[in-house]
Amino acid sequence: MNILYCSYEDLLKRISVIEIRLESYKKEKELLVNVSENEKQSVIKVNDERISYMTYLQEIKIIDSHILLHEEELIRLKKEKEKIDTIMSGLEGTNESVFYYRIVKGMTQEQTAEKLYMSTRQVQRIEKKLENSIMAC
């Protein structure tokens, strides 16, 4: 269960932050493009400031790179989420409970064991079995 985030909930928060940032970059680019269409000169006025056309083009290029990076990150995070959802749907009983508390809630082995009235060693064994079955897929 080598997941990059502390919990599934953290992953969902990260996806939502990336989506918000992506939308923000797209709106910023749209505003800049609208400014350039209105002002076809070597100097462009943006927010009461004048900038050179080259600076303007560089700004658009930077925003495009941010958009691309955020889109790629969003795709990666959503694939990770789908993988966890698929694993979760195939589990039941104690395995599902251990997976839920460890991955979805981000609890420690000790907290999970306490919640499920087990020993920490039992949780470790179940996790090991889960890891082996996940790796076999």
Protein backbone atom coordinates (compact mmCIF):
# COMPACT_ATOMS: atom_id res chain seq x y z
CA MET A 1 0.00 0.00 0.00
CA ASN A 2 2.50 2.49 -1.17
CA ILE A 3 0.34 5.58 -1.53
CA LEU A 4 1.84 9.05 -1.73
CA TYR A 5 -0.63 10.66 0.64
CA CYS A 6 -1.37 10.09 4.32
CA SER A 7 -4.92 9.03 3.56
CA TYR A 8 -7.52 8.65 0.84
CA GLU A 9 -9.18 11.79 2.21
CA ASP A 10 -5.90 13.69 1.68
CA LEU A 11 -5.84 12.41 -1.88
CA LEU A 12 -9.38 13.70 -2.47
CA LYS A 13 -8.42 17.10 -1.03
CA ARG A 14 -5.36 17.22 -3.28
CA ILE A 15 -7.49 16.43 -6.35
CA SER A 16 -9.86 19.24 -5.48
CA VAL A 17 -7.01 21.73 -4.92
CA ILE A 18 -5.47 20.83 -8.29
CA GLU A 19 -8.85 21.23 -10.01
CA ILE A 20 -9.28 24.70 -8.47
CA ARG A 21 -5.75 25.76 -9.46
CA LEU A 22 -6.25 24.45 -12.99
CA GLU A 23 -9.46 26.41 -13.37
CA SER A 24 -7.72 29.52 -12.05
CA TYR A 25 -4.88 29.21 -14.57
CA LYS A 26 -7.36 28.72 -17.39
CA LYS A 27 -9.28 31.86 -16.37
CA GLU A 28 -6.04 33.84 -16.09
CA LYS A 29 -5.01 32.74 -19.57
CA GLU A 30 -8.43 33.63 -20.94
CA LEU A 31 -8.14 37.13 -19.49
CA LEU A 32 -4.70 37.62 -21.00
CA VAL A 33 -5.84 36.37 -24.39
CA ASN A 34 -8.80 38.76 -24.29
CA VAL A 35 -6.46 41.66 -23.49
CA SER A 36 -4.24 40.83 -26.45
CA GLU A 37 -7.18 40.67 -28.84
CA ASN A 38 -8.23 44.14 -27.77
CA GLU A 39 -4.75 45.63 -27.96
CA LYS A 40 -2.82 44.59 -31.09
CA GLN A 41 0.23 46.72 -30.31
CA SER A 42 3.80 46.23 -29.19
CA VAL A 43 2.81 47.44 -25.70
CA ILE A 44 -0.17 45.92 -23.92
CA LYS A 45 -2.06 47.40 -21.01
CA VAL A 46 -2.89 44.86 -18.29
CA ASN A 47 -4.44 46.02 -15.00
CA ASP A 48 -3.40 49.64 -15.64
CA GLU A 49 0.20 48.58 -16.29
CA ARG A 50 1.92 48.52 -19.63
CA ILE A 51 3.96 45.48 -20.55
CA SER A 52 5.84 44.57 -23.70
CA TYR A 53 4.35 42.10 -26.11
CA MET A 54 7.30 39.74 -25.47
CA THR A 55 6.64 39.82 -21.72
CA TYR A 56 3.01 39.12 -22.46
CA LEU A 57 3.92 36.09 -24.62
CA GLN A 58 6.24 34.78 -21.91
CA GLU A 59 3.44 35.10 -19.37
CA ILE A 60 1.09 33.09 -21.59
CA LYS A 61 3.80 30.45 -22.08
CA ILE A 62 4.30 30.15 -18.30
CA ILE A 63 0.56 29.81 -17.73
CA ASP A 64 0.35 27.15 -20.46
CA SER A 65 3.11 25.15 -18.76
CA HIS A 66 1.27 25.41 -15.41
CA ILE A 67 -1.93 24.23 -17.07
CA LEU A 68 -0.15 21.27 -18.65
CA LEU A 69 1.54 20.25 -15.37
CA HIS A 70 -1.71 20.51 -13.43
CA GLU A 71 -3.62 18.49 -16.03
CA GLU A 72 -0.99 15.74 -15.89
CA GLU A 73 -1.01 15.76 -12.08
CA LEU A 74 -4.81 15.58 -12.06
CA ILE A 75 -4.78 12.57 -14.39
CA ARG A 76 -2.20 10.82 -12.17
CA LEU A 77 -4.15 11.53 -8.98
CA LYS A 78 -7.43 10.36 -10.49
CA LYS A 79 -5.79 7.10 -11.62
CA GLU A 80 -4.49 6.60 -8.09
CA LYS A 81 -7.99 7.24 -6.73
CA GLU A 82 -9.51 4.75 -9.18
CA LYS A 83 -6.95 2.14 -8.12
CA ILE A 84 -7.86 2.59 -4.46
CA ASP A 85 -11.59 2.49 -5.29
CA THR A 86 -11.10 -0.75 -7.23
CA ILE A 87 -9.15 -2.35 -4.40
CA MET A 88 -11.72 -1.20 -1.83
CA SER A 89 -14.63 -2.62 -3.84
CA GLY A 90 -13.01 -6.06 -3.87
CA LEU A 91 -12.54 -6.29 -0.11
CA GLU A 92 -14.88 -7.40 2.62
CA GLY A 93 -14.86 -8.17 6.32
CA THR A 94 -11.74 -7.54 8.35
CA ASN A 95 -9.63 -6.86 5.25
CA GLU A 96 -11.99 -4.07 4.24
CA SER A 97 -11.95 -2.60 7.74
CA VAL A 98 -8.16 -2.63 7.97
CA PHE A 99 -7.84 -1.09 4.51
CA TYR A 100 -10.45 1.55 5.36
CA TYR A 101 -8.82 2.67 8.60
CA ARG A 102 -5.24 2.50 7.32
CA ILE A 103 -5.66 3.93 3.81
CA VAL A 104 -8.91 5.88 3.74
CA LYS A 105 -8.67 7.35 7.23
CA GLY A 106 -4.86 7.33 7.46
CA MET A 107 -4.77 5.80 10.93
CA THR A 108 -1.68 4.13 12.34
CA GLN A 109 -1.49 0.38 12.84
CA GLU A 110 -1.96 0.90 16.56
CA GLN A 111 -5.05 3.08 16.09
CA THR A 112 -6.50 0.59 13.61
CA ALA A 113 -5.86 -2.33 15.96
CA GLU A 114 -7.53 -0.50 18.83
CA LYS A 115 -10.53 0.43 16.67
CA LEU A 116 -10.98 -3.19 15.50
CA TYR A 117 -10.19 -4.78 18.90
CA MET A 118 -7.14 -6.57 17.49
CA SER A 119 -3.46 -6.64 18.21
CA THR A 120 -1.09 -4.51 16.17
CA ARG A 121 0.54 -7.71 14.94
CA GLN A 122 -2.80 -8.94 13.54
CA VAL A 123 -3.20 -5.68 11.65
CA GLN A 124 0.34 -6.05 10.30
CA ARG A 125 -0.40 -9.59 9.07
CA ILE A 126 -3.63 -8.49 7.36
CA GLU A 127 -1.78 -5.58 5.74
CA LYS A 128 0.92 -7.92 4.48
CA LYS A 129 -1.71 -10.23 2.94
CA LEU A 130 -3.41 -7.23 1.36
CA GLU A 131 -0.13 -5.98 -0.08
CA ASN A 132 0.63 -9.41 -1.54
CA SER A 133 -2.82 -9.72 -3.11
CA ILE A 134 -2.67 -6.15 -4.48
CA MET A 135 0.78 -6.75 -5.98
CA ALA A 136 -0.46 -9.96 -7.61
CA CYS A 137 -3.11 -8.02 -9.56
